[in-house]
Amino acid sequence: MKTLACDAIDLKILQILQEDGRIKFQELAEKVSLSPSPCVARVRRLETVGIIKGYMAVVDVSKLQSHIEIYTEISLVQQGNHRQTAFVQYVRGRPQLVELLEISGRCDYLGRFACRSLPEYQVIVDHLLESPVLGVASITSHIVMRTVKPNRGFDLKPNSSDDVWPESKNE
C-alpha cells in the first residue's frame, strides 16, 4: 500500500484535527507555528489527497437513548467473491452496524453493532445465520460492558516508537 509523504508539521496538524476537528484555522496555525494561509493550504492538501477523509462529531449515544454495543466475530462458510459480496451488501444496509472490518485469524469479519436492545441484535444475528445466501457459518458476540479508553484517533506524533509500552519502574 502506497503511503503519502507528510512532514512533522502535517502530522502535528493531523494530530490536532483528530482531537478537535472544529478548531479555528487561526488557532491551528498558532499551534503548529505557521501563519494561517500556509496552514489552510496544508489542510486543504491533506483533504484533497484523501488523508483527511472527513469530519464528524463524537456523539455520546447513551445520553440520547438506551443502547448496547456488541463486537461480533463473523465467519463465513466459505470464502469467495459471491459469498462475500452478498454478505457485505446485506450488512452495509444495517443501520445498527457501526463498523465492519475484514480481518485475518479465526474469523473473517469483526463487526461493531449498536442496537437499542438485545432482542434487536438477536433478530440481526438470526437472519445472518439462517440466510443461505449470506453464507454465515458462525457468530461470536462480545457485549461491551463499558468503554475504558474511547477511540480518539491514531498516534501521529513523529518518532512515537520511542515510548511504546515503557517499562514499569516497579518491575
Protein backbone atom coordinates (compact mmCIF):
# COMPACT_ATOMS: atom_id res chain seq x y z
CA MET A 1 0.00 0.00 0.00
CA LYS A 2 1.41 3.36 -1.03
CA THR A 3 1.70 5.97 1.71
CA LEU A 4 1.82 9.69 1.13
CA ALA A 5 4.65 11.83 2.41
CA CYS A 6 3.87 14.05 5.37
CA ASP A 7 6.33 16.15 7.28
CA ALA A 8 6.30 16.82 11.03
CA ILE A 9 4.02 19.85 10.61
CA ASP A 10 1.47 17.83 8.60
CA LEU A 11 1.48 15.15 11.30
CA LYS A 12 1.01 17.75 14.02
CA ILE A 13 -1.90 19.28 12.09
CA LEU A 14 -3.49 15.85 11.72
CA GLN A 15 -2.99 15.04 15.41
CA ILE A 16 -4.65 18.30 16.44
CA LEU A 17 -7.55 17.87 14.00
CA GLN A 18 -8.18 14.34 15.34
CA GLU A 19 -8.50 15.84 18.82
CA ASP A 20 -10.56 18.86 17.74
CA GLY A 21 -11.98 18.88 14.22
CA ARG A 22 -13.70 22.22 14.87
CA ILE A 23 -10.57 24.14 15.77
CA LYS A 24 -10.34 27.53 14.06
CA PHE A 25 -7.61 27.85 11.40
CA GLN A 26 -6.04 30.76 13.29
CA GLU A 27 -5.66 28.64 16.44
CA LEU A 28 -4.45 25.62 14.47
CA ALA A 29 -1.87 27.77 12.70
CA GLU A 30 -0.59 29.10 16.04
CA LYS A 31 -0.30 25.56 17.47
CA VAL A 32 1.83 24.41 14.53
CA SER A 33 3.82 27.67 14.28
CA LEU A 34 2.56 28.68 10.83
CA SER A 35 0.71 31.69 9.55
CA PRO A 36 -2.94 30.97 8.71
CA SER A 37 -2.60 30.91 4.91
CA PRO A 38 0.04 28.12 4.68
CA CYS A 39 -1.79 26.21 7.42
CA VAL A 40 -5.06 26.33 5.45
CA ALA A 41 -3.17 25.27 2.31
CA ARG A 42 -1.74 22.25 4.14
CA VAL A 43 -5.16 21.20 5.47
CA ARG A 44 -6.72 21.55 2.01
CA ARG A 45 -3.90 19.45 0.50
CA LEU A 46 -4.41 16.77 3.17
CA GLU A 47 -8.13 16.78 2.32
CA THR A 48 -7.52 16.69 -1.46
CA VAL A 49 -5.16 13.70 -1.34
CA GLY A 50 -7.58 11.83 0.92
CA ILE A 51 -5.56 11.71 4.13
CA ILE A 52 -8.32 13.71 5.80
CA LYS A 53 -11.43 11.80 4.78
CA GLY A 54 -13.98 13.94 6.59
CA TYR A 55 -15.05 15.47 9.88
CA MET A 56 -17.64 14.22 12.31
CA ALA A 57 -18.99 14.80 15.78
CA VAL A 58 -18.34 12.26 18.52
CA VAL A 59 -21.81 11.59 19.95
CA ASP A 60 -22.48 10.10 23.38
CA VAL A 61 -25.42 7.93 22.34
CA SER A 62 -26.09 6.90 25.95
CA LYS A 63 -27.27 10.45 26.66
CA LEU A 64 -29.85 10.16 23.86
CA GLN A 65 -31.20 6.63 24.15
CA SER A 66 -30.67 3.28 25.76
CA HIS A 67 -28.44 1.03 23.67
CA ILE A 68 -25.95 -1.81 23.78
CA GLU A 69 -22.76 -2.23 21.78
CA ILE A 70 -21.69 -5.65 20.60
CA TYR A 71 -18.45 -6.66 18.92
CA THR A 72 -19.21 -9.59 16.67
CA GLU A 73 -16.84 -12.15 15.18
CA ILE A 74 -18.35 -13.44 11.94
CA SER A 75 -17.09 -16.45 9.99
CA LEU A 76 -18.35 -17.35 6.53
CA VAL A 77 -18.97 -20.91 5.36
CA GLN A 78 -16.51 -20.37 2.53
CA GLN A 79 -14.57 -17.54 1.04
CA GLY A 80 -15.22 -16.26 -2.45
CA ASN A 81 -16.45 -13.09 -4.07
CA HIS A 82 -20.07 -14.29 -4.40
CA ARG A 83 -20.43 -15.09 -0.69
CA GLN A 84 -18.55 -12.04 0.45
CA THR A 85 -20.46 -9.71 -1.86
CA ALA A 86 -23.87 -10.89 -0.66
CA PHE A 87 -22.80 -10.71 2.97
CA VAL A 88 -21.21 -7.28 2.67
CA GLN A 89 -24.18 -5.85 0.75
CA TYR A 90 -26.59 -7.11 3.41
CA VAL A 91 -24.66 -5.82 6.44
CA ARG A 92 -23.91 -2.44 4.85
CA GLY A 93 -27.66 -1.89 4.81
CA ARG A 94 -27.99 -2.47 8.56
CA PRO A 95 -28.03 0.88 10.37
CA GLN A 96 -27.12 -0.93 13.59
CA LEU A 97 -23.74 -1.90 12.12
CA VAL A 98 -21.35 0.87 13.14
CA GLU A 99 -18.18 -0.65 11.71
CA LEU A 100 -17.11 -3.78 9.84
CA LEU A 101 -13.55 -4.96 9.38
CA GLU A 102 -12.37 -7.85 7.22
CA ILE A 103 -9.65 -9.49 9.30
CA SER A 104 -7.26 -12.41 9.40
CA GLY A 105 -7.35 -15.06 12.08
CA ARG A 106 -10.05 -17.35 13.40
CA CYS A 107 -12.91 -15.39 11.83
CA ASP A 108 -13.44 -13.43 8.62
CA TYR A 109 -15.02 -10.22 9.89
CA LEU A 110 -15.20 -8.19 13.07
CA GLY A 111 -18.33 -6.08 13.33
CA ARG A 112 -19.35 -3.46 15.84
CA PHE A 113 -23.07 -3.17 16.34
CA ALA A 114 -25.00 -0.56 18.33
CA CYS A 115 -28.56 -1.74 18.99
CA ARG A 116 -31.39 -0.39 21.11
CA SER A 117 -31.82 -3.79 22.75
CA LEU A 118 -30.54 -7.33 22.83
CA PRO A 119 -33.68 -8.61 21.05
CA GLU A 120 -33.00 -6.19 18.18
CA TYR A 121 -29.47 -7.59 17.88
CA GLN A 122 -30.80 -11.16 18.09
CA VAL A 123 -33.03 -10.56 15.05
CA ILE A 124 -29.96 -9.48 13.06
CA VAL A 125 -27.93 -12.49 14.22
CA ASP A 126 -30.77 -14.91 13.45
CA HIS A 127 -31.12 -13.54 9.93
CA LEU A 128 -27.36 -13.71 9.33
CA LEU A 129 -27.22 -17.35 10.44
CA GLU A 130 -30.44 -18.51 8.76
CA SER A 131 -29.99 -16.95 5.33
CA PRO A 132 -28.25 -19.43 2.99
CA VAL A 133 -27.46 -16.61 0.56
CA LEU A 134 -25.28 -14.80 3.12
CA GLY A 135 -23.19 -17.86 3.93
CA VAL A 136 -22.52 -17.13 7.59
CA ALA A 137 -21.12 -20.17 9.41
CA SER A 138 -20.79 -18.78 12.93
CA ILE A 139 -21.10 -15.67 15.04
CA THR A 140 -19.45 -14.95 18.36
CA SER A 141 -20.77 -11.92 20.23
CA HIS A 142 -18.99 -9.80 22.82
CA ILE A 143 -21.22 -7.33 24.66
CA VAL A 144 -19.46 -4.13 25.71
CA MET A 145 -19.80 -3.58 29.44
CA ARG A 146 -18.07 -0.18 29.47
CA THR A 147 -15.63 1.81 27.39
CA VAL A 148 -12.31 2.09 29.18
CA LYS A 149 -10.50 4.14 26.52
CA PRO A 150 -12.50 5.58 23.65
CA ASN A 151 -11.11 5.84 20.13
CA ARG A 152 -9.70 9.31 19.69
CA GLY A 153 -7.70 8.67 16.55
CA PHE A 154 -4.24 7.39 15.79
CA ASP A 155 -0.97 8.47 17.37
CA LEU A 156 0.62 10.57 14.63
CA LYS A 157 3.47 12.11 16.56
CA PRO A 158 6.80 11.71 14.76
CA ASN A 159 9.13 9.10 16.29
CA SER A 160 6.39 7.85 18.59
CA SER A 161 8.02 4.40 18.71
CA ASP A 162 10.32 5.71 21.47
CA ASP A 163 7.55 5.48 24.06
CA VAL A 164 5.97 2.14 23.18
CA TRP A 165 4.91 0.41 26.42
CA PRO A 166 7.59 1.86 28.68
CA GLU A 167 8.87 -0.43 31.42
CA SER A 168 7.28 0.00 34.83
CA LYS A 169 9.62 1.47 37.43
CA ASN A 170 8.39 -1.15 39.96
CA GLU A 171 9.37 -4.18 37.86
